[in-house]
Each structure stands twice: as C-alpha cells, then as structure tokens.
Amino acid sequence: MKAYRLFKKPAARCRRDVIALALAVLLGALAQTAGAETIVHFDSGDGWKLTGTLYLPKVSPGARVPAAVLLSEPAWEDRTVYGTYLSGKLAESGYAVLTLDYRGTGASVGKKEFFDFTRAERDAILLDVRAALGFLSARPEVDAGRLALVAASWSADYAVQAAQENPGVQALVLISGSVGEASRSYLRSERSVPLLGVVGKDDKDSFYAAAENYALSPHPSSDILIEVGYGAGMFSHTKGLEERVVAWMNKNLQGLGTEREVSFKTTDGWQLRGRVRIPQGASEAAKVPGVVMVHGARHDLQTYQHLAEELAKLGIASVRFDCRGKGTSIAEGKPSYSIDMPEEEEQKIYLDVKAAVNTLAAEKKVDAGRIGLIGATAGTDHALRAASGDDRIQTMVLLTSAGAPEGEARDLLVKAGRPILAVASTEDINYNRGSLAEETRKTYQLSTNKESELILFEDAGRGSEMFKSKPELQRMVLRWFADKLKPAAAPDAGVLAGSR
C-alpha cells in the first residue's frame, strides 16, 4: 500500500585455480608493457614501503579527474590481477587508477611475508589502504572529492573501513566481498556512498554476503551484478563485466560533476556563501539547466548535498547556499537566522534567493532560461517571492508550506502559471498554525497550472526531513526536475520511477 496520495490537476568458486591465476598474472605483466603506467612507491605511515602501479588518463591542464584504488585479495592475488582488466578501462574513461601491493605481498613484501602475519598485523593493512588513498588524493590532477575503492574478497572490509574515514570516497565496488559487523553497520546507515556488489552465481558464501551488503545499502544507485567465478578473476570469465563496472562508476563518480565554493552578495549587503555543482559534460556549447536550493529555518546548505549530487547525474547544475545568518553566511555583528533575527530582517531572505538565482544563471555552462527552485518550510515562501517576476524560473518544488502564500508569492501562483510540486505530511501539525498539510494544500490550490501536483505522505515529518523518512521522495523530486527542465542527460521518467 502506498504511504502517500498523489493529486493532479485534471488532465562454482574458482578461488584455488592455480592455472587461471598464473595466466592472469602473466597477462597482467604483458599489459604493463603496453600501457602508460608508472611504478610508484610510498610509505604506509608505520614504516612499510609500499609499491603500486599508477595509471593516469590524458588530462588537460588544470583539470581534475576522479580516481580509484584497486585492491586485490591479500596473499592470493597481487596487484597485477588488475593489470589486464579494469585499470586500463578506467584510465581510458578518465580516471586516475592506483593498484596496490599490500605489506607482505608482491613487491611490498619487505621484512615479513603476509602468511607470517599475526591477526593484528593483518589488520594493519587498513593503513595501506589509507596511504593509497592519501597518495592518490595528493596528486594535482586528482579530484580528492571523487574517489572509489574497488576491493576483492576480504579486502572489502578494509575498503569499507577506509570509506568511513574518508569523505572523498564516493563509491564502493566489492567483488566477492565479505565484511564484518562494523562495516555492515556503516553500509546500513550511509546514504551518500553507493555500493556495487559483484559476485559469482555459484559462489554461495560470497553470494549471500553480497546480497546482504546490497540489501543493507539505502543508496538508490546501489546495485549487484551476478557473474561467473570468484574475486577479480571474474573479469577474465565474463565478457563485458569491465564495461558494466566502469559504466556504474561513471554514473556515480564522473556523474557527480565538479563542485566549488562560491561567494555572492545580496542587494541589501549580505555576503553569502554556498556551493555550485556543474554536471560532467556541461559546456558553453551544451548548457545545462539548474536548480537553486533554499533550506528551512533550522537547516543549512548541507541539507541538499545528496540531492545536488543526484541532480548532477541527470545533467542538472545546482547551487546550495546558507541563507543570511546561517552556517557559513553568518556575519559579525548581524543576527542569526531562526535564533535572534528580527522578523523584518527574516522577511528579506527572498533577496538571498534572488542573489543565488543570479549566481547560478551567470555560470557560463548553465542555461539561464531553465532554472528551478526547491524550498523547504519557511524557505518555500522565500522561494516563491524570489521567483515573482523572474521568467528564468520554470518550476518549483515546495516541501511543506509554513503558510498559504500572500502578496507577490500568491500572485506568482495565480498569474504566472508555473508548475509546482507541493509536498507535505498529513500528521504535520504546528501548535500555533494548525495543519501544515492543509497550508500546503492551499498553496497547491492557488496554482493555475494544470501540471502542478500535490503529494501528501503519512508520518513523513516536515520539510527537507521528509527525504530521510521517505526515500522515494528524492526520486519523485528528481523525476519532476528532469521532466520540467529537460536536461539532455536525464533518463525518461519511467526509468527514474523504477529505480531502487
């Protein structure tokens, strides 16, 4: 049963196969002579000298690319298992790639072999993974905010632990990967890092672990591939597996585009700060639409981080910012929003939204005629007032109206005819304002556009908090902006509606 109502205007494991392993190693060694890779050395942080192979794509001056660390199974396969498969494909697709020999393995044997390690010494491999991420992140051509970890077998647990520590890790690929309870707890709670599980259909133990990891992940882009074989050796058994893994990584790393900090001033003198995200592939010749994100009184720009990333994957730019008196936009000697800001000052926040619209529209890769707005609670009225008289604004998403719009905000809905998506939860009662669901309904009823929609959830909370309680809401919002702003990269609405 749906928890919301929609209103529309009429209208066989091969782990010990020694021969296969020897062949993979030989092919890996041959591949190293054909590519443009470099052998690199770096310190683990606790005295081990580690060896890896670095693959770099062709990078234009000043460009920064996503990066991936590829982890083999300790004491079974060394880094050359990726020499023939995956590393080259990723580099061709624009990634910096590092394959790694852990301490005690391959070219990083050092003073002691892995088989002689104690359990505590084995757990120190996490230091090697941290060091590999640090080595890649420090390179000038690498975007340290777009990192992936690809891990085989029980190295998957080290990968998940490293992802918990490093906010730059934005994607995990676990191949026949099993993880411990602490890592499962992370996967269960982490909404911003998608997971791709790759597992052989006859490998029952790994299959169960991969299915559990996939089921735990709340990220809508998490997925699972069922193939043939075990570990990184599956790439030699399954034609097209490389391409499927790279395509998934492209969506979830390349697709994030690039984000940078911005600072802009309102017409009444407030200096505001935020972040602009531009999708991959956007250019002055192929401009993209954009969305301005307005937070509520008790939130800040971080509220919309995940939505901004998912919009970028659809080919939609965005700006999320802190309104006056919030977060990074606090000014010395001036009041704080929702704490000590007088009402007359708070009523001017619509000027912040106008300034943010101008900032996004001024981006050379953004189509200034295709701008959308999303506002939550108190931010809904500020968004409506800012959009009044601005023909660049094509649509709005309003998450829980704090009150039915008046004045120019009301006129926008009645006269301008822009389609709106209004969302609220039926149990949302404000002790001094009554039902905010009814206030949201009134806002929707003011709209004269027949494409406008009202969604009423049950037990969903208020404003942007509904994204947490109702994960399907984000897909609805993404589908709405894809339909109304028509980005070239967006799939059709059916694809978005059917996504997990």
Protein backbone atom coordinates (compact mmCIF):
# COMPACT_ATOMS: atom_id res chain seq x y z
CA MET A 1 0.00 0.00 0.00
CA LYS A 2 1.33 3.47 -0.90
CA ALA A 3 2.10 5.71 2.05
CA TYR A 4 1.16 8.82 0.11
CA ARG A 5 -1.62 10.20 -2.09
CA LEU A 6 -0.99 11.97 -5.38
CA PHE A 7 -3.25 14.79 -6.56
CA LYS A 8 -3.08 16.11 -10.13
CA LYS A 9 -4.84 18.85 -11.94
CA PRO A 10 -7.37 17.37 -14.43
CA ALA A 11 -5.75 16.23 -17.43
CA ALA A 12 31.42 -22.79 -8.59
CA ARG A 13 34.05 -20.66 -6.95
CA CYS A 14 37.40 -20.85 -8.82
CA ARG A 15 39.48 -19.40 -5.98
CA ARG A 16 42.18 -22.08 -5.98
CA ASP A 17 42.59 -22.46 -9.69
CA VAL A 18 46.37 -22.11 -9.88
CA ILE A 19 46.50 -22.28 -13.66
CA ALA A 20 43.98 -19.44 -14.05
CA LEU A 21 45.89 -17.35 -11.55
CA ALA A 22 49.20 -17.89 -13.32
CA LEU A 23 47.61 -16.90 -16.63
CA ALA A 24 46.12 -13.74 -15.10
CA VAL A 25 49.49 -12.75 -13.66
CA LEU A 26 51.22 -13.37 -16.99
CA LEU A 27 48.65 -11.34 -18.90
CA GLY A 28 48.95 -8.59 -16.31
CA ALA A 29 52.71 -8.46 -16.76
CA LEU A 30 52.30 -8.25 -20.54
CA ALA A 31 49.73 -5.48 -20.21
CA GLN A 32 52.16 -3.38 -18.17
CA THR A 33 54.46 -3.13 -21.17
CA ALA A 34 51.65 -1.80 -23.37
CA GLY A 35 50.18 0.97 -21.25
CA ALA A 36 51.33 4.34 -19.96
CA GLU A 37 51.51 3.28 -16.32
CA THR A 38 54.16 4.08 -13.73
CA ILE A 39 55.52 2.04 -10.84
CA VAL A 40 55.24 4.13 -7.66
CA HIS A 41 56.40 3.81 -4.05
CA PHE A 42 55.01 5.43 -0.92
CA ASP A 43 55.08 4.94 2.84
CA SER A 44 52.30 3.27 4.81
CA GLY A 45 52.70 5.58 7.78
CA ASP A 46 54.05 2.90 10.08
CA GLY A 47 57.30 2.03 8.32
CA TRP A 48 56.32 -0.18 5.38
CA LYS A 49 57.45 0.80 1.90
CA LEU A 50 54.52 0.07 -0.42
CA THR A 51 54.61 -0.46 -4.17
CA GLY A 52 51.82 0.22 -6.62
CA THR A 53 51.11 0.92 -10.27
CA LEU A 54 49.69 4.30 -11.22
CA TYR A 55 47.58 4.70 -14.36
CA LEU A 56 46.84 8.26 -15.44
CA PRO A 57 44.39 9.37 -18.14
CA LYS A 58 45.10 12.13 -20.59
CA VAL A 59 44.38 15.26 -18.58
CA SER A 60 44.04 18.78 -19.93
CA PRO A 61 45.95 21.45 -17.98
CA GLY A 62 44.21 22.34 -14.73
CA ALA A 63 41.63 19.55 -14.99
CA ARG A 64 40.98 17.28 -12.03
CA VAL A 65 39.72 13.75 -12.51
CA PRO A 66 38.09 11.10 -10.29
CA ALA A 67 40.32 8.34 -9.01
CA ALA A 68 40.11 4.70 -7.91
CA VAL A 69 42.22 2.41 -5.75
CA LEU A 70 42.01 -1.25 -6.81
CA LEU A 71 42.56 -3.76 -4.01
CA SER A 72 43.29 -7.45 -4.64
CA GLU A 73 42.87 -10.33 -2.20
CA PRO A 74 45.80 -10.41 0.28
CA ALA A 75 48.15 -13.41 -0.05
CA TRP A 76 46.24 -14.78 -3.03
CA GLU A 77 46.49 -12.23 -5.86
CA ASP A 78 48.86 -9.31 -6.13
CA ARG A 79 48.16 -6.03 -7.88
CA THR A 80 48.88 -7.47 -11.35
CA VAL A 81 45.47 -9.15 -11.34
CA TYR A 82 44.16 -5.73 -12.42
CA GLY A 83 46.92 -5.22 -15.00
CA THR A 84 44.91 -6.83 -17.77
CA TYR A 85 41.45 -5.93 -16.55
CA LEU A 86 39.71 -2.81 -15.24
CA SER A 87 42.71 -0.50 -14.63
CA GLY A 88 43.16 0.28 -18.34
CA LYS A 89 39.42 0.68 -18.96
CA LEU A 90 39.13 3.09 -16.06
CA ALA A 91 42.11 5.14 -17.24
CA GLU A 92 40.61 5.29 -20.73
CA SER A 93 37.38 6.58 -19.15
CA GLY A 94 39.19 9.44 -17.42
CA TYR A 95 40.17 8.01 -14.02
CA ALA A 96 43.47 8.08 -12.20
CA VAL A 97 43.96 4.49 -11.00
CA LEU A 98 46.27 3.00 -8.38
CA THR A 99 46.73 -0.74 -7.95
CA LEU A 100 48.42 -1.73 -4.71
CA ASP A 101 50.59 -4.48 -3.27
CA TYR A 102 49.81 -4.64 0.44
CA ARG A 103 52.51 -5.07 3.05
CA GLY A 104 53.90 -8.58 2.93
CA THR A 105 52.69 -9.21 -0.65
CA GLY A 106 54.04 -8.80 -4.17
CA ALA A 107 56.63 -6.03 -4.45
CA SER A 108 55.76 -4.83 -0.92
CA VAL A 109 56.95 -7.97 0.91
CA GLY A 110 59.55 -6.05 2.88
CA LYS A 111 60.72 -7.68 6.09
CA LYS A 112 57.92 -10.23 6.52
CA GLU A 113 55.55 -12.19 4.31
CA PHE A 114 51.81 -11.89 4.73
CA PHE A 115 51.39 -15.58 5.63
CA ASP A 116 53.54 -15.00 8.72
CA PHE A 117 51.48 -12.03 9.96
CA THR A 118 49.57 -12.16 13.21
CA ARG A 119 45.90 -11.12 13.12
CA ALA A 120 46.85 -7.69 14.44
CA GLU A 121 49.49 -7.32 11.74
CA ARG A 122 46.96 -8.28 9.08
CA ASP A 123 44.50 -5.67 10.34
CA ALA A 124 47.21 -3.04 9.78
CA ILE A 125 46.50 -3.42 6.04
CA LEU A 126 43.94 -0.70 6.68
CA LEU A 127 46.93 1.64 6.99
CA ASP A 128 48.00 0.63 3.48
CA VAL A 129 44.57 1.46 2.07
CA ARG A 130 44.61 4.83 3.84
CA ALA A 131 48.08 5.53 2.45
CA ALA A 132 46.97 4.62 -1.08
CA LEU A 133 44.01 7.00 -0.85
CA GLY A 134 46.29 9.70 0.52
CA PHE A 135 48.84 9.17 -2.26
CA LEU A 136 46.17 9.49 -4.95
CA SER A 137 44.42 12.44 -3.30
CA ALA A 138 47.66 14.42 -3.15
CA ARG A 139 48.20 14.28 -6.90
CA PRO A 140 47.41 17.60 -8.62
CA GLU A 141 45.29 16.01 -11.35
CA VAL A 142 43.07 14.11 -8.91
CA ASP A 143 39.77 15.36 -7.51
CA ALA A 144 40.05 14.21 -3.89
CA GLY A 145 36.28 14.53 -3.51
CA ARG A 146 35.61 11.83 -6.13
CA LEU A 147 37.34 8.64 -5.02
CA ALA A 148 36.33 5.00 -5.41
CA LEU A 149 37.55 1.81 -3.78
CA VAL A 150 37.38 -1.49 -5.66
CA ALA A 151 38.10 -4.44 -3.38
CA ALA A 152 38.14 -8.22 -3.80
CA SER A 153 37.27 -10.86 -1.19
CA TRP A 154 38.07 -9.94 2.42
CA SER A 155 39.95 -6.78 1.38
CA ALA A 156 36.38 -5.46 1.08
CA ASP A 157 36.27 -4.98 4.85
CA TYR A 158 39.35 -2.73 4.72
CA ALA A 159 37.76 -0.78 1.87
CA VAL A 160 34.56 -0.14 3.83
CA GLN A 161 36.53 0.88 6.92
CA ALA A 162 38.59 3.32 4.84
CA ALA A 163 35.41 4.75 3.29
CA GLN A 164 34.08 5.51 6.78
CA GLU A 165 37.15 7.64 7.48
CA ASN A 166 37.50 9.43 4.14
CA PRO A 167 34.60 11.65 2.96
CA GLY A 168 36.16 11.76 -0.50
CA VAL A 169 35.21 8.11 -1.11
CA GLN A 170 32.03 8.34 -3.13
CA ALA A 171 31.67 4.78 -4.44
CA LEU A 172 32.45 1.22 -3.34
CA VAL A 173 32.80 -1.83 -5.59
CA LEU A 174 33.02 -5.07 -3.59
CA ILE A 175 33.96 -8.17 -5.62
CA SER A 176 33.09 -11.42 -3.82
CA GLY A 177 33.37 -9.19 -0.79
CA SER A 178 32.58 -10.10 2.80
CA VAL A 179 32.65 -7.53 5.61
CA GLY A 180 32.48 -7.50 9.40
CA GLU A 181 29.68 -6.26 11.62
CA ALA A 182 31.12 -2.74 11.98
CA SER A 183 31.28 -2.40 8.20
CA ARG A 184 27.74 -3.74 7.81
CA SER A 185 26.56 -1.13 10.29
CA TYR A 186 28.19 1.57 8.15
CA LEU A 187 26.62 0.26 4.95
CA ARG A 188 23.24 0.21 6.66
CA SER A 189 23.43 3.85 7.71
CA GLU A 190 25.40 5.50 4.91
CA ARG A 191 23.11 7.21 2.41
CA SER A 192 25.72 9.11 0.40
CA VAL A 193 28.00 6.27 -0.80
CA PRO A 194 26.55 3.83 -3.35
CA LEU A 195 27.68 0.21 -3.38
CA LEU A 196 28.15 -2.15 -6.33
CA GLY A 197 28.39 -5.83 -5.42
CA VAL A 198 29.92 -8.25 -7.97
CA VAL A 199 29.60 -11.95 -7.22
CA GLY A 200 29.77 -15.35 -8.94
CA LYS A 201 26.45 -17.15 -9.10
CA ASP A 202 27.96 -20.45 -7.89
CA ASP A 203 29.91 -18.88 -5.03
CA LYS A 204 27.26 -19.41 -2.37
CA ASP A 205 29.11 -17.87 0.59
CA SER A 206 30.08 -14.71 -1.28
CA PHE A 207 26.65 -14.56 -2.92
CA TYR A 208 24.97 -14.41 0.47
CA ALA A 209 27.40 -11.73 1.69
CA ALA A 210 26.97 -9.64 -1.48
CA ALA A 211 23.18 -9.87 -1.28
CA GLU A 212 23.27 -8.78 2.36
CA ASN A 213 25.58 -5.84 1.61
CA TYR A 214 23.34 -4.73 -1.26
CA ALA A 215 20.20 -5.06 0.86
CA LEU A 216 21.77 -3.01 3.66
CA SER A 217 22.68 -0.05 1.45
CA PRO A 218 19.99 2.66 1.39
CA HIS A 219 21.55 4.47 -1.59
CA PRO A 220 19.27 4.39 -4.67
CA SER A 221 22.23 3.78 -7.01
CA SER A 222 23.47 0.68 -5.17
CA ASP A 223 23.37 -2.40 -7.37
CA ILE A 224 24.53 -6.01 -7.69
CA LEU A 225 25.98 -7.92 -10.65
CA ILE A 226 25.76 -11.72 -10.73
CA GLU A 227 28.52 -13.17 -12.87
CA VAL A 228 30.78 -16.26 -13.10
CA GLY A 229 33.77 -17.10 -10.93
CA TYR A 230 35.36 -15.58 -7.86
CA GLY A 231 37.15 -12.34 -6.98
CA ALA A 232 38.95 -10.19 -9.52
CA GLY A 233 39.40 -13.29 -11.68
CA MET A 234 35.75 -12.87 -12.73
CA PHE A 235 36.85 -10.23 -15.23
CA SER A 236 38.57 -12.96 -17.27
CA HIS A 237 35.46 -15.17 -17.23
CA THR A 238 32.72 -12.69 -18.11
CA LYS A 239 32.75 -10.68 -21.32
CA GLY A 240 31.52 -7.14 -20.75
CA LEU A 241 31.97 -7.16 -16.96
CA GLU A 242 34.64 -4.47 -17.14
CA GLU A 243 32.34 -2.24 -19.15
CA ARG A 244 29.44 -2.71 -16.72
CA VAL A 245 31.58 -1.85 -13.71
CA VAL A 246 33.06 1.19 -15.45
CA ALA A 247 29.59 2.36 -16.54
CA TRP A 248 28.36 2.15 -12.93
CA MET A 249 31.39 4.09 -11.72
CA ASN A 250 30.90 6.68 -14.46
CA LYS A 251 27.38 7.30 -13.23
CA ASN A 252 28.37 7.56 -9.60
CA LEU A 253 31.75 9.34 -9.85
CA GLN A 254 32.05 11.01 -13.24
CA GLY A 255 28.37 11.80 -12.96
CA LEU A 256 28.92 13.85 -9.81
CA GLY A 257 30.45 16.59 -11.93
CA THR A 258 32.52 19.19 -10.13
CA GLU A 259 31.62 21.33 -7.14
CA ARG A 260 33.25 24.53 -5.95
CA GLU A 261 32.66 27.12 -3.27
CA VAL A 262 31.08 30.44 -4.26
CA SER A 263 30.51 33.73 -2.51
CA PHE A 264 27.95 36.34 -3.59
CA LYS A 265 26.30 39.46 -2.22
CA THR A 266 22.62 40.36 -1.89
CA THR A 267 21.24 43.74 -2.95
CA ASP A 268 20.97 44.75 0.71
CA GLY A 269 24.59 43.92 1.52
CA TRP A 270 24.72 40.39 2.97
CA GLN A 271 27.73 38.29 1.87
CA LEU A 272 26.51 34.74 1.35
CA ARG A 273 28.44 31.54 0.73
CA GLY A 274 27.48 28.32 -0.98
CA ARG A 275 28.48 25.62 -3.44
CA VAL A 276 27.86 25.38 -7.17
CA ARG A 277 27.88 21.94 -8.81
CA ILE A 278 28.25 21.62 -12.59
CA PRO A 279 27.48 18.26 -14.27
CA GLN A 280 30.04 16.31 -16.26
CA GLY A 281 29.92 17.21 -19.94
CA ALA A 282 28.38 20.66 -19.50
CA SER A 283 29.94 23.34 -21.71
CA GLU A 284 29.18 26.74 -23.15
CA ALA A 285 28.03 24.93 -26.29
CA ALA A 286 25.97 22.36 -24.35
CA LYS A 287 24.48 24.34 -21.48
CA VAL A 288 22.52 22.61 -18.73
CA PRO A 289 19.53 23.65 -16.61
CA GLY A 290 19.98 24.45 -12.93
CA VAL A 291 18.24 24.27 -9.56
CA VAL A 292 18.52 26.75 -6.67
CA MET A 293 18.13 25.10 -3.26
CA VAL A 294 16.61 27.04 -0.35
CA HIS A 295 16.85 25.48 3.12
CA GLY A 296 14.45 25.96 6.02
CA ALA A 297 14.96 27.95 9.21
CA ARG A 298 16.51 25.05 11.14
CA HIS A 299 18.74 23.71 8.37
CA ASP A 300 21.61 24.85 6.15
CA LEU A 301 23.19 24.12 2.76
CA GLN A 302 24.23 20.60 3.82
CA THR A 303 20.57 19.56 3.73
CA TYR A 304 20.69 19.28 -0.05
CA GLN A 305 24.12 17.72 -0.64
CA HIS A 306 22.84 14.34 -1.78
CA LEU A 307 20.10 15.86 -3.94
CA ALA A 308 22.69 18.10 -5.63
CA GLU A 309 24.80 15.04 -6.46
CA GLU A 310 21.84 13.14 -7.90
CA LEU A 311 20.75 16.17 -9.96
CA ALA A 312 24.25 16.33 -11.44
CA LYS A 313 23.91 12.72 -12.57
CA LEU A 314 20.82 13.82 -14.53
CA GLY A 315 22.70 16.71 -16.13
CA ILE A 316 21.31 19.45 -13.89
CA ALA A 317 23.52 22.08 -12.22
CA SER A 318 22.73 23.42 -8.76
CA VAL A 319 23.61 25.98 -6.16
CA ARG A 320 23.02 25.30 -2.46
CA PHE A 321 23.81 28.08 -0.05
CA ASP A 322 23.49 29.28 3.52
CA CYS A 323 20.88 32.00 3.92
CA ARG A 324 21.81 35.14 5.84
CA GLY A 325 22.67 34.40 9.43
CA LYS A 326 23.17 30.66 8.81
CA GLY A 327 26.25 28.44 8.69
CA THR A 328 28.97 29.95 6.51
CA SER A 329 26.88 33.10 5.91
CA ILE A 330 27.00 34.36 9.50
CA ALA A 331 28.27 37.93 9.68
CA GLU A 332 29.86 39.51 12.72
CA GLY A 333 27.52 41.94 14.42
CA LYS A 334 24.49 40.69 12.46
CA PRO A 335 21.65 38.47 13.76
CA SER A 336 21.43 34.71 13.25
CA TYR A 337 18.59 33.21 11.23
CA SER A 338 15.98 31.44 13.41
CA ILE A 339 17.74 32.47 16.66
CA ASP A 340 17.75 36.25 17.12
CA MET A 341 16.88 37.59 13.66
CA PRO A 342 14.02 40.10 13.76
CA GLU A 343 11.05 39.35 11.56
CA GLU A 344 11.65 42.33 9.27
CA GLU A 345 15.15 41.03 8.52
CA GLU A 346 13.92 37.48 8.08
CA GLN A 347 11.39 38.69 5.52
CA LYS A 348 14.29 39.82 3.31
CA ILE A 349 15.67 36.30 2.85
CA TYR A 350 13.96 36.23 -0.54
CA LEU A 351 16.75 38.61 -1.59
CA ASP A 352 19.21 35.80 -0.77
CA VAL A 353 17.32 33.52 -3.12
CA LYS A 354 17.35 36.16 -5.87
CA ALA A 355 21.12 36.53 -5.47
CA ALA A 356 21.56 32.75 -5.64
CA VAL A 357 19.46 32.60 -8.83
CA ASN A 358 21.63 35.31 -10.39
CA THR A 359 24.78 33.45 -9.34
CA LEU A 360 23.68 30.18 -10.93
CA ALA A 361 22.30 31.87 -14.06
CA ALA A 362 25.65 33.66 -14.55
CA GLU A 363 27.51 30.34 -14.85
CA LYS A 364 28.76 30.01 -18.44
CA LYS A 365 27.72 26.36 -18.65
CA VAL A 366 24.19 26.94 -17.29
CA ASP A 367 21.12 27.78 -19.36
CA ALA A 368 19.76 30.85 -17.57
CA GLY A 369 16.32 30.26 -19.08
CA ARG A 370 15.88 26.85 -17.42
CA ILE A 371 16.08 27.38 -13.67
CA GLY A 372 14.13 25.53 -10.99
CA LEU A 373 13.72 26.22 -7.28
CA ILE A 374 13.29 23.94 -4.30
CA GLY A 375 12.38 25.35 -0.89
CA ALA A 376 11.57 23.81 2.48
CA THR A 377 9.20 25.11 5.20
CA ALA A 378 9.95 28.83 5.69
CA GLY A 379 12.08 28.66 2.55
CA THR A 380 9.02 27.94 0.39
CA ASP A 381 7.70 31.48 0.78
CA HIS A 382 11.15 32.99 0.19
CA ALA A 383 11.44 30.91 -2.98
CA LEU A 384 8.01 31.99 -4.26
CA ARG A 385 8.71 35.67 -3.58
CA ALA A 386 12.09 35.45 -5.31
CA ALA A 387 10.55 33.80 -8.38
CA SER A 388 7.92 36.52 -8.77
CA GLY A 389 8.56 38.40 -12.00
CA ASP A 390 11.56 36.23 -12.94
CA ASP A 391 10.90 34.46 -16.24
CA ARG A 392 14.04 32.36 -15.80
CA ILE A 393 12.27 30.28 -13.12
CA GLN A 394 10.40 27.46 -14.84
CA THR A 395 9.23 25.34 -11.92
CA MET A 396 9.33 24.97 -8.13
CA VAL A 397 9.26 22.19 -5.55
CA LEU A 398 7.77 23.23 -2.19
CA LEU A 399 8.39 20.97 0.81
CA THR A 400 5.79 21.80 3.48
CA SER A 401 4.44 25.32 3.17
CA ALA A 402 4.62 27.11 6.51
CA GLY A 403 1.58 29.15 5.47
CA ALA A 404 -0.50 29.90 2.41
CA PRO A 405 1.34 32.44 0.20
CA GLU A 406 0.30 36.07 0.18
CA GLY A 407 1.15 39.13 -1.90
CA GLU A 408 3.64 38.62 -4.72
CA ALA A 409 4.13 34.96 -3.78
CA ARG A 410 0.39 34.39 -4.21
CA ASP A 411 0.36 36.34 -7.47
CA LEU A 412 3.11 34.10 -8.86
CA LEU A 413 0.96 31.00 -8.41
CA VAL A 414 -2.24 32.58 -9.64
CA LYS A 415 -0.95 34.63 -12.56
CA ALA A 416 2.41 33.26 -13.73
CA GLY A 417 1.18 29.72 -14.19
CA ARG A 418 4.45 27.93 -13.34
CA PRO A 419 4.02 24.25 -12.42
CA ILE A 420 4.71 23.43 -8.78
CA LEU A 421 5.20 20.19 -6.89
CA ALA A 422 3.89 20.66 -3.34
CA VAL A 423 4.69 18.02 -0.70
CA ALA A 424 3.65 17.64 2.94
CA SER A 425 2.75 15.03 5.57
CA THR A 426 -0.77 14.67 6.93
CA GLU A 427 0.24 14.46 10.61
CA ASP A 428 2.33 17.66 10.50
CA ILE A 429 0.61 20.00 12.95
CA ASN A 430 2.09 23.26 14.19
CA TYR A 431 0.54 24.19 17.54
CA ASN A 432 0.09 27.86 16.57
CA ARG A 433 -0.55 27.44 12.82
CA GLY A 434 -2.61 24.29 12.61
CA SER A 435 -2.15 21.67 9.89
CA LEU A 436 0.80 22.44 7.63
CA ALA A 437 -0.50 19.79 5.25
CA GLU A 438 -3.60 21.95 4.80
CA GLU A 439 -1.44 25.05 4.31
CA THR A 440 0.47 23.13 1.63
CA ARG A 441 -2.81 22.07 0.04
CA LYS A 442 -3.93 25.72 -0.08
CA THR A 443 -0.66 26.63 -1.79
CA TYR A 444 -1.22 23.93 -4.38
CA GLN A 445 -4.83 25.03 -4.95
CA LEU A 446 -3.68 28.56 -5.76
CA SER A 447 -1.68 27.28 -8.73
CA THR A 448 -3.46 27.70 -12.05
CA ASN A 449 -1.07 25.41 -13.90
CA LYS A 450 -2.71 22.08 -14.76
CA GLU A 451 0.66 20.25 -14.42
CA SER A 452 1.00 21.17 -10.74
CA GLU A 453 0.88 18.28 -8.29
CA LEU A 454 0.28 17.75 -4.58
CA ILE A 455 1.74 14.79 -2.68
CA LEU A 456 0.54 14.06 0.86
CA PHE A 457 2.55 11.47 2.78
CA GLU A 458 1.68 9.87 6.08
CA ASP A 459 4.14 10.03 9.00
CA ALA A 460 6.84 11.65 6.89
CA GLY A 461 7.84 14.62 9.03
CA ARG A 462 8.36 18.17 7.83
CA GLY A 463 10.19 19.94 5.01
CA SER A 464 13.51 18.51 3.88
CA GLU A 465 13.37 15.98 6.74
CA MET A 466 10.93 14.02 4.55
CA PHE A 467 13.89 12.95 2.38
CA LYS A 468 15.09 10.79 5.28
CA SER A 469 11.79 9.22 6.25
CA LYS A 470 10.57 8.73 2.67
CA PRO A 471 13.49 7.86 0.34
CA GLU A 472 11.09 7.69 -2.60
CA LEU A 473 10.57 11.45 -2.30
CA GLN A 474 14.00 12.16 -3.72
CA ARG A 475 13.20 10.07 -6.79
CA MET A 476 9.95 12.00 -7.22
CA VAL A 477 11.76 15.33 -7.00
CA LEU A 478 14.44 14.18 -9.45
CA ARG A 479 11.77 12.99 -11.87
CA TRP A 480 9.96 16.32 -11.52
CA PHE A 481 13.01 18.43 -12.37
CA ALA A 482 14.00 16.06 -15.19
CA ASP A 483 10.54 16.44 -16.71
CA LYS A 484 10.19 20.20 -16.27
CA LEU A 485 13.75 21.35 -17.03
CA LYS A 486 14.52 18.80 -19.79
CA PRO A 487 18.24 18.09 -19.18
CA ALA A 488 19.85 16.25 -22.09
CA ALA A 489 21.39 13.61 -19.79
CA ALA A 490 18.18 12.68 -17.95
CA PRO A 491 16.58 9.25 -18.46
CA ASP A 492 12.85 9.19 -19.07
CA ALA A 493 10.51 9.45 -16.12
CA GLY A 494 9.81 5.72 -16.15
CA VAL A 495 13.47 4.89 -15.55
CA LEU A 496 13.59 7.25 -12.58
CA ALA A 497 10.33 5.97 -11.18
CA GLY A 498 11.51 2.38 -11.31
CA SER A 499 14.90 2.99 -9.72
CA ARG A 500 15.53 1.46 -6.35
